[in-house]
Protein backbone atom coordinates (compact mmCIF):
# COMPACT_ATOMS: atom_id res chain seq x y z
CA MET A 1 -50.28 5.49 -77.62
CA LYS A 2 -46.37 5.74 -78.39
CA GLY A 3 -46.37 9.36 -77.28
CA ALA A 4 -48.27 8.29 -73.77
CA ARG A 5 -45.43 6.21 -72.92
CA ILE A 6 -42.47 8.46 -73.79
CA ARG A 7 -44.08 11.10 -71.84
CA ARG A 8 -44.57 8.74 -68.94
CA GLN A 9 -40.75 7.26 -69.05
CA ARG A 10 -39.57 10.69 -69.37
CA ARG A 11 -41.54 11.69 -66.09
CA ALA A 12 -40.44 8.73 -63.94
CA GLN A 13 -36.59 9.50 -65.61
CA PRO A 14 -36.29 11.61 -62.77
CA ASN A 15 -37.70 9.53 -59.94
CA TRP A 16 -34.83 6.77 -60.48
CA VAL A 17 -32.49 9.65 -60.81
CA ALA A 18 -33.37 11.08 -57.31
CA ARG A 19 -33.87 7.16 -55.92
CA LEU A 20 -30.34 6.58 -57.12
CA ALA A 21 -29.13 9.58 -55.85
CA LEU A 22 -30.80 8.72 -52.66
CA ALA A 23 -29.22 5.10 -52.52
CA ALA A 24 -25.67 6.83 -52.80
CA ILE A 25 -26.02 9.57 -50.50
CA ALA A 26 -26.80 6.91 -48.15
CA ALA A 27 -24.26 4.31 -49.01
CA LEU A 28 -21.72 7.00 -48.04
CA LEU A 29 -23.24 7.69 -44.87
CA GLY A 30 -23.72 4.40 -44.00
CA TYR A 31 -19.79 4.16 -44.99
CA VAL A 32 -19.23 6.78 -42.76
CA SER A 33 -20.97 5.64 -40.62
CA VAL A 34 -19.20 2.50 -40.20
CA MET A 35 -15.81 4.18 -40.31
CA GLN A 36 -16.67 6.06 -37.60
CA SER A 37 -17.78 3.28 -35.35
CA LEU A 38 -15.17 1.49 -36.31
CA ALA A 39 -12.25 4.19 -35.73
CA LEU A 40 -14.29 4.52 -32.31
CA VAL A 41 -14.13 0.95 -31.25
CA LEU A 42 -10.21 0.63 -32.71
CA PRO A 43 -7.49 0.21 -29.04
CA ASN A 44 -4.71 3.25 -28.41
CA SER A 45 -2.43 0.37 -30.06
CA ARG A 46 -4.34 1.68 -33.49
CA ILE A 47 -5.32 4.75 -32.72
CA GLU A 48 -2.99 6.39 -35.69
CA GLU A 49 -5.42 3.83 -38.12
CA ALA A 50 -8.36 4.72 -36.53
CA TYR A 51 -7.40 8.64 -37.01
CA ALA A 52 -7.02 7.58 -40.96
CA LEU A 53 -10.44 6.52 -40.85
CA ALA A 54 -12.19 9.23 -38.75
CA PRO A 55 -10.33 12.37 -39.32
CA GLY A 56 -13.18 14.44 -38.85
CA ASN A 57 -14.21 12.71 -35.17
CA GLY A 58 -13.20 14.73 -32.60
CA HIS A 59 -12.91 11.59 -29.82
CA VAL A 60 -10.90 9.94 -32.08
CA ALA A 61 -8.35 13.18 -32.63
CA ALA A 62 -8.15 13.61 -29.31
CA ARG A 63 -7.17 10.03 -28.43
CA PHE A 64 -4.17 10.72 -31.43
CA SER A 65 -3.30 13.85 -29.84
CA GLN A 66 -2.90 12.17 -26.78
CA GLN A 67 -0.93 9.20 -28.18
CA LEU A 68 1.31 11.47 -30.29
CA SER A 69 1.96 13.97 -26.95
CA GLY A 70 3.65 11.13 -24.89
CA PRO A 71 6.69 11.69 -22.23
CA GLU A 72 8.88 10.49 -25.28
CA ALA A 73 7.41 12.52 -27.85
CA SER A 74 9.50 14.20 -30.47
CA PRO A 75 9.42 17.67 -31.69
CA GLN A 76 7.73 16.98 -34.84
CA ASP A 77 5.13 14.72 -33.13
CA ARG A 78 4.14 16.69 -30.40
CA ALA A 79 3.51 19.33 -33.38
CA ARG A 80 1.13 16.76 -34.73
CA ALA A 81 -0.35 16.30 -31.51
CA VAL A 82 -0.72 20.11 -31.40
CA ALA A 83 -2.53 19.66 -34.93
CA ALA A 84 -4.73 16.97 -34.33
CA ALA A 85 -5.79 18.39 -30.83
CA HIS A 86 -7.19 21.97 -32.56
CA GLU A 87 -8.46 19.80 -35.53
CA ALA A 88 -10.46 17.82 -32.16
CA LEU A 89 -12.05 20.76 -30.65
CA ARG A 90 -13.29 22.15 -33.75
CA HIS A 91 -15.68 18.96 -33.93
CA ASP A 92 -16.05 18.47 -30.20
CA PRO A 93 -15.43 21.10 -27.81
CA THR A 94 -15.77 19.16 -24.80
CA ALA A 95 -12.90 16.50 -26.49
CA VAL A 96 -11.11 16.68 -22.79
CA GLU A 97 -7.97 14.58 -24.25
CA ALA A 98 -7.41 17.29 -26.85
CA VAL A 99 -7.91 20.22 -24.19
CA ALA A 100 -5.00 18.04 -21.80
CA THR A 101 -2.84 17.66 -24.91
CA LEU A 102 -2.86 22.11 -25.23
CA GLY A 103 -2.55 22.26 -21.76
CA LEU A 104 0.61 19.86 -21.33
CA ASP A 105 2.23 21.74 -24.59
CA ALA A 106 1.27 25.19 -23.04
CA MET A 107 3.31 23.69 -20.03
CA LEU A 108 6.69 22.31 -22.11
CA LYS A 109 7.01 25.61 -23.61
CA GLY A 110 7.14 27.37 -20.41
CA ASP A 111 3.37 29.13 -21.00
CA GLU A 112 1.78 28.76 -17.79
CA PRO A 113 -1.33 31.26 -18.02
CA ARG A 114 -2.13 29.64 -20.71
CA ALA A 115 -1.84 26.07 -19.28
CA ASP A 116 -3.81 27.50 -16.71
CA ARG A 117 -6.26 28.38 -18.86
CA LEU A 118 -6.46 24.79 -20.37
CA LEU A 119 -6.21 22.81 -17.48
CA ALA A 120 -9.32 25.04 -16.31
CA TYR A 121 -11.17 24.36 -18.92
CA SER A 122 -10.29 20.78 -18.76
CA GLN A 123 -11.49 20.32 -15.10
CA ARG A 124 -14.76 21.99 -15.87
CA ILE A 125 -15.62 19.42 -18.74
CA SER A 126 -14.21 16.33 -16.92
CA ARG A 127 -12.06 15.61 -13.85
CA ARG A 128 -11.74 12.17 -14.37
CA ASP A 129 -8.47 13.09 -17.51
CA LEU A 130 -5.49 11.17 -15.59
CA ARG A 131 -3.41 13.44 -17.74
CA THR A 132 -5.15 16.48 -16.81
CA GLN A 133 -4.56 15.70 -13.61
CA LEU A 134 -0.76 14.94 -14.13
CA THR A 135 -0.35 18.63 -16.04
CA ALA A 136 -1.46 20.27 -13.02
CA ILE A 137 0.92 18.35 -10.65
CA GLU A 138 3.26 19.65 -12.71
CA LEU A 139 2.87 22.96 -12.64
CA ALA A 140 2.11 22.70 -8.71
CA VAL A 141 5.43 21.12 -8.29
CA ALA A 142 6.62 23.56 -10.34
CA ARG A 143 5.56 26.40 -8.54
CA ASP A 144 6.31 24.49 -4.85
CA ASP A 145 2.97 24.78 -4.43
CA ILE A 146 2.51 21.37 -2.43
CA ALA A 147 -1.26 21.68 -1.30
CA GLY A 148 -2.25 22.11 -5.27
CA ALA A 149 0.10 19.37 -6.03
CA LEU A 150 -1.80 16.72 -3.83
CA HIS A 151 -5.06 18.07 -4.64
CA HIS A 152 -4.70 16.94 -8.10
CA TYR A 153 -3.02 13.84 -6.36
CA ASP A 154 -5.86 13.73 -4.42
CA ILE A 155 -8.92 14.00 -7.55
CA ALA A 156 -6.67 11.46 -10.02
CA LEU A 157 -6.76 9.16 -7.48
CA ARG A 158 -10.36 9.61 -6.40
CA THR A 159 -11.03 9.09 -10.23
CA LYS A 160 -9.35 6.91 -11.99
CA LYS A 161 -8.66 2.71 -11.20
CA ASP A 162 -5.26 2.58 -12.45
CA ALA A 163 -3.88 5.75 -10.69
CA PRO A 164 -2.82 4.04 -7.68
CA GLY A 165 -0.28 2.27 -9.66
CA LEU A 166 0.73 5.76 -11.44
CA LEU A 167 1.04 7.85 -8.03
CA PHE A 168 1.40 5.64 -5.18
CA PRO A 169 5.27 5.12 -6.06
CA VAL A 170 5.48 8.46 -6.39
CA LEU A 171 3.95 9.36 -3.36
CA ALA A 172 6.15 7.14 -1.42
CA SER A 173 9.13 7.88 -2.47
CA ALA A 174 8.27 11.62 -1.25
CA LEU A 175 7.89 10.40 2.14
CA GLY A 176 11.51 11.77 3.36
CA ASP A 177 10.58 15.67 2.82
CA ASP A 178 8.39 16.78 6.13
CA ALA A 179 6.72 18.77 4.05
CA ILE A 180 5.35 16.56 1.91
CA ARG A 181 4.64 13.94 4.39
CA THR A 182 2.85 17.09 6.39
CA GLY A 183 0.70 17.69 3.38
CA LEU A 184 -0.27 13.70 2.94
CA VAL A 185 -1.44 13.84 6.54
CA ARG A 186 -3.53 16.72 6.02
CA THR A 187 -4.87 14.99 2.99
CA LEU A 188 -5.09 11.49 4.56
CA ALA A 189 -7.25 13.00 7.61
CA ASP A 190 -10.01 13.75 5.40
CA ARG A 191 -10.20 9.89 4.91
CA PRO A 192 -10.06 9.43 0.92
CA ILE A 193 -11.13 6.58 -0.63
CA TRP A 194 -7.78 5.73 -1.44
CA ALA A 195 -6.05 6.47 1.67
CA LEU A 196 -6.26 2.79 3.45
CA ASP A 197 -4.48 1.51 0.07
CA PHE A 198 -1.33 3.91 0.37
CA VAL A 199 -0.79 2.95 3.96
CA ARG A 200 -0.52 -0.41 2.62
CA TYR A 201 1.41 0.22 -0.04
CA VAL A 202 3.78 2.47 1.98
CA ALA A 203 4.34 -0.71 4.35
CA ARG A 204 5.27 -2.87 1.75
CA SER A 205 7.17 -0.90 -0.26
CA ASP A 206 10.37 -0.30 -0.93
CA ALA A 207 10.18 3.42 1.11
CA ASP A 208 12.70 4.22 3.95
CA PRO A 209 11.05 2.67 6.40
CA ALA A 210 12.24 5.73 8.85
CA ALA A 211 9.70 8.11 6.77
CA ALA A 212 7.62 5.48 6.65
CA ALA A 213 7.47 5.31 10.59
CA ALA A 214 7.26 9.63 10.96
CA PHE A 215 4.07 9.31 8.38
CA PHE A 216 2.87 6.44 10.27
CA ARG A 217 3.15 8.30 13.70
CA ALA A 218 1.73 12.02 12.05
CA LEU A 219 -1.11 9.64 11.36
CA THR A 220 -1.92 8.26 14.19
CA ALA A 221 -1.58 11.79 15.88
CA GLN A 222 -4.63 12.63 13.73
CA ARG A 223 -6.27 9.20 14.95
CA PHE A 224 -6.01 7.89 11.60
CA PRO A 225 -6.30 4.23 11.93
CA VAL A 226 -2.87 2.50 10.71
CA PRO A 227 -3.59 -1.20 10.29
CA ASP A 228 -1.63 -3.50 12.46
CA SER A 229 -0.17 -4.89 9.48
CA ALA A 230 1.48 -1.82 8.09
CA SER A 231 2.68 -0.94 11.77
CA SER A 232 4.31 -4.40 12.23
CA ALA A 233 5.79 -4.15 8.72
CA VAL A 234 7.53 -0.88 9.39
CA VAL A 235 9.03 -1.69 12.64
CA ASN A 236 10.22 -4.78 11.43
CA LYS A 237 11.58 -3.44 8.31
CA LEU A 238 13.60 -0.72 10.77
CA LEU A 239 14.97 -3.68 12.50
CA ALA A 240 16.41 -5.50 9.92
CA GLY A 241 17.80 -2.25 8.45
CA GLY A 242 19.33 -1.85 12.61
CA GLN A 243 17.62 1.04 13.33
CA PHE A 244 16.70 -0.21 16.94
CA GLU A 245 16.11 3.22 18.32
CA ASP A 246 13.39 4.20 15.75
CA ALA A 247 12.02 1.23 15.81
CA TRP A 248 11.28 1.42 19.32
CA SER A 249 10.37 5.15 19.11
CA TYR A 250 7.68 4.38 16.40
CA TYR A 251 6.62 1.04 17.93
CA ALA A 252 5.92 2.59 21.35
CA VAL A 253 4.01 5.08 19.64
CA SER A 254 1.95 2.29 17.64
CA ARG A 255 1.39 0.00 20.86
CA GLU A 256 0.24 1.96 23.72
CA GLY A 257 1.31 1.65 27.13
CA ALA A 258 4.94 -0.44 25.82
CA ASP A 259 7.42 -0.09 28.50
CA ARG A 260 11.57 -0.45 27.57
CA ARG A 261 12.07 -1.30 30.64
CA SER A 262 10.24 -5.12 30.79
CA SER A 263 9.05 -7.60 28.35
CA ARG A 264 5.39 -6.82 26.74
CA ASP A 265 1.56 -8.26 27.26
CA PRO A 266 2.98 -10.58 30.05
CA SER A 267 -0.89 -12.39 29.90
CA PHE A 268 -1.23 -12.65 26.11
CA ARG A 269 -4.27 -10.37 26.20
CA SER A 270 -3.31 -8.57 23.24
CA ILE A 271 -5.21 -9.44 19.83
CA VAL A 272 -2.42 -8.05 17.63
CA GLU A 273 -3.93 -9.56 13.81
CA THR A 274 -0.12 -9.35 12.38
CA PRO A 275 3.01 -9.19 15.02
CA SER A 276 6.34 -7.38 14.85
CA VAL A 277 9.28 -9.00 16.34
CA PHE A 278 8.41 -6.53 19.39
CA ASP A 279 5.30 -8.43 19.96
CA TRP A 280 4.94 -12.45 21.39
CA VAL A 281 5.75 -14.36 17.90
CA ALA A 282 4.41 -18.21 17.85
CA MET A 283 7.55 -19.81 16.17
CA SER A 284 6.09 -23.32 13.57
CA GLY A 285 8.43 -26.16 12.51
CA THR A 286 8.82 -29.74 12.04
CA GLY A 287 6.87 -31.26 15.24
CA LEU A 288 6.23 -28.18 16.60
CA ALA A 289 2.40 -27.18 16.96
CA THR A 290 1.50 -23.57 18.77
CA ALA A 291 -0.82 -20.98 19.45
CA LEU A 292 -1.16 -17.91 20.87
CA VAL A 293 -5.04 -17.42 22.65
CA PRO A 294 -5.14 -13.93 23.52
CA ASP A 295 -8.36 -12.90 25.55
CA PRO A 296 -8.56 -9.46 27.38
CA ALA A 297 -8.83 -11.49 30.64
CA ASN A 298 -6.41 -14.49 30.39
CA GLY A 299 -4.77 -15.33 27.47
CA LEU A 300 -2.50 -18.04 27.14
CA PHE A 301 0.42 -19.41 24.81
CA ASP A 302 -0.29 -23.70 23.90
CA PHE A 303 1.88 -26.28 23.00
CA THR A 304 2.60 -29.25 21.85
CA VAL A 305 5.87 -30.64 20.45
CA SER A 306 6.00 -34.21 19.40
CA MET A 307 8.60 -36.93 20.40
CA GLY A 308 11.94 -36.25 19.66
CA ASN A 309 11.74 -32.62 18.55
CA GLY A 310 12.24 -29.46 20.01
CA GLY A 311 13.29 -26.13 19.19
CA ILE A 312 12.21 -21.96 20.20
CA LEU A 313 8.28 -21.99 20.52
CA LEU A 314 7.56 -18.14 21.54
CA GLN A 315 9.93 -15.51 21.36
CA GLN A 316 10.10 -11.26 22.00
CA LEU A 317 12.61 -9.06 21.14
CA GLN A 318 13.75 -6.62 23.88
CA MET A 319 15.72 -3.64 24.28
CA LEU A 320 16.53 -3.46 27.75
CA PRO A 321 19.10 -1.00 29.60
CA GLN A 322 21.73 -2.95 31.30
CA GLY A 323 20.73 -3.81 34.83
CA ASP A 324 19.05 -6.83 36.76
CA TYR A 325 15.63 -8.13 36.07
CA ILE A 326 13.62 -11.03 36.74
CA LEU A 327 11.75 -13.44 35.20
CA GLU A 328 8.40 -14.71 36.09
CA GLY A 329 5.73 -16.36 35.10
CA ARG A 330 3.03 -19.56 35.46
CA SER A 331 2.57 -22.45 33.40
CA SER A 332 -0.35 -25.36 33.40
CA GLY A 333 -0.08 -28.87 31.88
CA ILE A 334 3.87 -29.45 31.87
CA GLU A 335 4.91 -32.76 33.48
CA GLN A 336 7.97 -33.88 32.38
CA LEU A 337 11.03 -35.34 33.56
CA SER A 338 14.06 -32.28 34.30
CA GLU A 339 15.66 -33.15 30.94
CA SER A 340 12.38 -32.81 28.50
CA ARG A 341 10.98 -30.06 30.29
CA PRO A 342 11.19 -26.21 28.25
CA TYR A 343 13.12 -23.36 29.28
CA TRP A 344 13.76 -19.77 28.86
CA THR A 345 16.46 -18.12 27.53
CA ILE A 346 18.09 -14.64 26.77
CA ARG A 347 20.36 -13.90 24.29
CA CYS A 348 21.78 -10.58 22.48
CA ARG A 349 21.85 -9.94 19.26
CA ASN A 350 25.35 -11.64 18.24
CA GLY A 351 23.77 -15.00 19.94
CA GLN A 352 25.69 -15.27 23.30
CA GLU A 353 23.10 -16.41 25.61
CA ILE A 354 23.23 -14.43 29.03
CA ALA A 355 20.90 -16.25 31.26
CA ARG A 356 18.55 -19.43 31.50
CA VAL A 357 15.22 -19.99 33.37
CA GLU A 358 14.17 -23.61 33.77
CA VAL A 359 10.21 -24.09 33.74
CA PRO A 360 9.26 -26.70 36.57
CA ASN A 361 6.39 -28.99 35.95
CA SER A 362 3.01 -26.97 36.52
CA SER A 363 1.91 -28.76 39.87
CA GLN A 364 4.90 -27.43 41.57
CA ALA A 365 4.52 -24.38 43.04
CA LYS A 366 1.10 -23.59 41.38
CA GLY A 367 3.44 -23.56 38.03
CA ARG A 368 5.00 -20.13 39.21
CA PHE A 369 8.48 -20.09 38.09
CA GLU A 370 10.92 -17.35 38.50
CA GLY A 371 14.82 -16.25 37.69
CA GLN A 372 17.43 -13.55 37.70
CA VAL A 373 18.83 -12.46 34.97
CA ARG A 374 21.50 -9.34 34.44
CA ILE A 375 21.78 -7.22 31.29
CA PRO A 376 24.87 -6.13 30.54
CA ALA A 377 25.91 -3.21 29.06
CA ASN A 378 27.20 -4.46 25.66
CA CYS A 379 24.09 -6.35 24.99
CA PRO A 380 21.50 -3.39 24.31
CA VAL A 381 19.24 -6.10 21.95
CA GLN A 382 17.75 -9.15 23.11
CA THR A 383 15.68 -12.07 22.27
CA LEU A 384 13.68 -13.83 24.96
CA ALA A 385 12.58 -17.04 24.24
CA LEU A 386 10.97 -20.40 25.47
CA VAL A 387 12.63 -23.46 24.02
CA ALA A 388 11.76 -26.87 24.00
CA ARG A 389 14.17 -29.70 24.66
CA SER A 390 13.77 -33.16 22.71
CA SER A 391 11.56 -35.86 24.52
CA ASP A 392 11.23 -39.66 24.51
CA ASP A 393 7.91 -39.42 25.64
CA ALA A 394 5.99 -40.95 23.26
CA GLY A 395 3.19 -38.65 23.96
CA GLY A 396 5.76 -35.56 23.14
CA VAL A 397 5.77 -32.33 24.93
CA THR A 398 2.73 -30.11 25.99
CA GLY A 399 1.47 -27.16 28.21
CA GLN A 400 0.51 -23.41 28.47
CA ILE A 401 2.11 -20.82 29.34
CA THR A 402 -0.88 -18.67 30.94
CA HIS A 403 1.73 -15.73 32.45
CA ILE A 404 5.51 -14.36 31.15
CA LEU A 405 6.92 -11.32 32.43
CA LEU A 406 10.77 -10.40 32.14
CA ARG A 407 10.94 -7.01 34.47
CA PRO A 408 13.29 -4.83 36.33
CA ALA A 409 14.44 -6.56 39.60
CA HIS A 410 13.39 -3.50 41.77
CA ALA A 411 9.59 -3.24 39.95
CA HIS A 412 6.66 -4.98 42.10
CA ARG A 413 5.96 -8.92 41.94
CA THR A 414 2.85 -8.90 39.80
């Protein structure tokens, strides 16, 4: 009996050893799996810690190489980045970040053929790696290949949500270069998904407004729909900078039928989402309620001024050449004493008033009014404005302007 028990124990011992060995292997594999998982979820700010936990993980090693090879990397960091990139690719040949690291290193060393090969490989793996596209842009710029650079800008802006914040400022600042601007117009003519966002960015950015106007003018020639808000922003920036001729030149392109020799939109028919100062601009203020009511047939300007208040109600910037003009218009709903009726004024840029035309009560001459204006040579920029006088009437002043036109004296009446 005792011998049989000993034999059973001897047979069982290898089974326990095997089980313990399997348990140890399972624990080790579990530990490795946990470390790998932890390394994968650690943020980029802790990528070095992740790399220490899982140096054999190709994705982690590739991310580590990417961080080490940043724009401010020292030669030692770049060397470590290259080593990490090679290690990453040994474990994972599709680690695109590692390929981009090696491509950037080759470019910095002036080895363009190798950089081209690595970037081509990276593009085959994935077009979504931003650093690959940035490196490709740098290579194209170094070769003066504008079309190639814009191609990679397009890829980056199509595939990465955070690319506009990085790339839009660079593109906007380059609009002063005729060749780059022409290339951008060709790119946007194909209507990429980022096109309108870029146009809006240019309008609100610090880009040279003259270059922005030239860019928008070229886009318009390609039948690209530049939004009113973007066009108006550029026109207003040009005017704020004293570039009046450039402002009018672009405005005349963006507003079909605009004529420098007369005011615009006499019957308030145009629907302008965001007006420039060359368009009608309704003013607001204490005690003033104004509204442009555009209509393709016959629009109007409506206003209400409460008792004791007054000021500019409506205005439009002009660049009329020197000469004699007629201001003509029609009103409705205006019934006030003469000292409370609104009037039209024309002032030079320096504030000098050169003409004033009273608006009579609408019951007179079917609301029509007219006045003569002379634009002197020293007044190249003028403001046409409707001004409300203060009234003691408890009901204030109300009314509508249904037509207003400032035209050359020799032109036919409308």
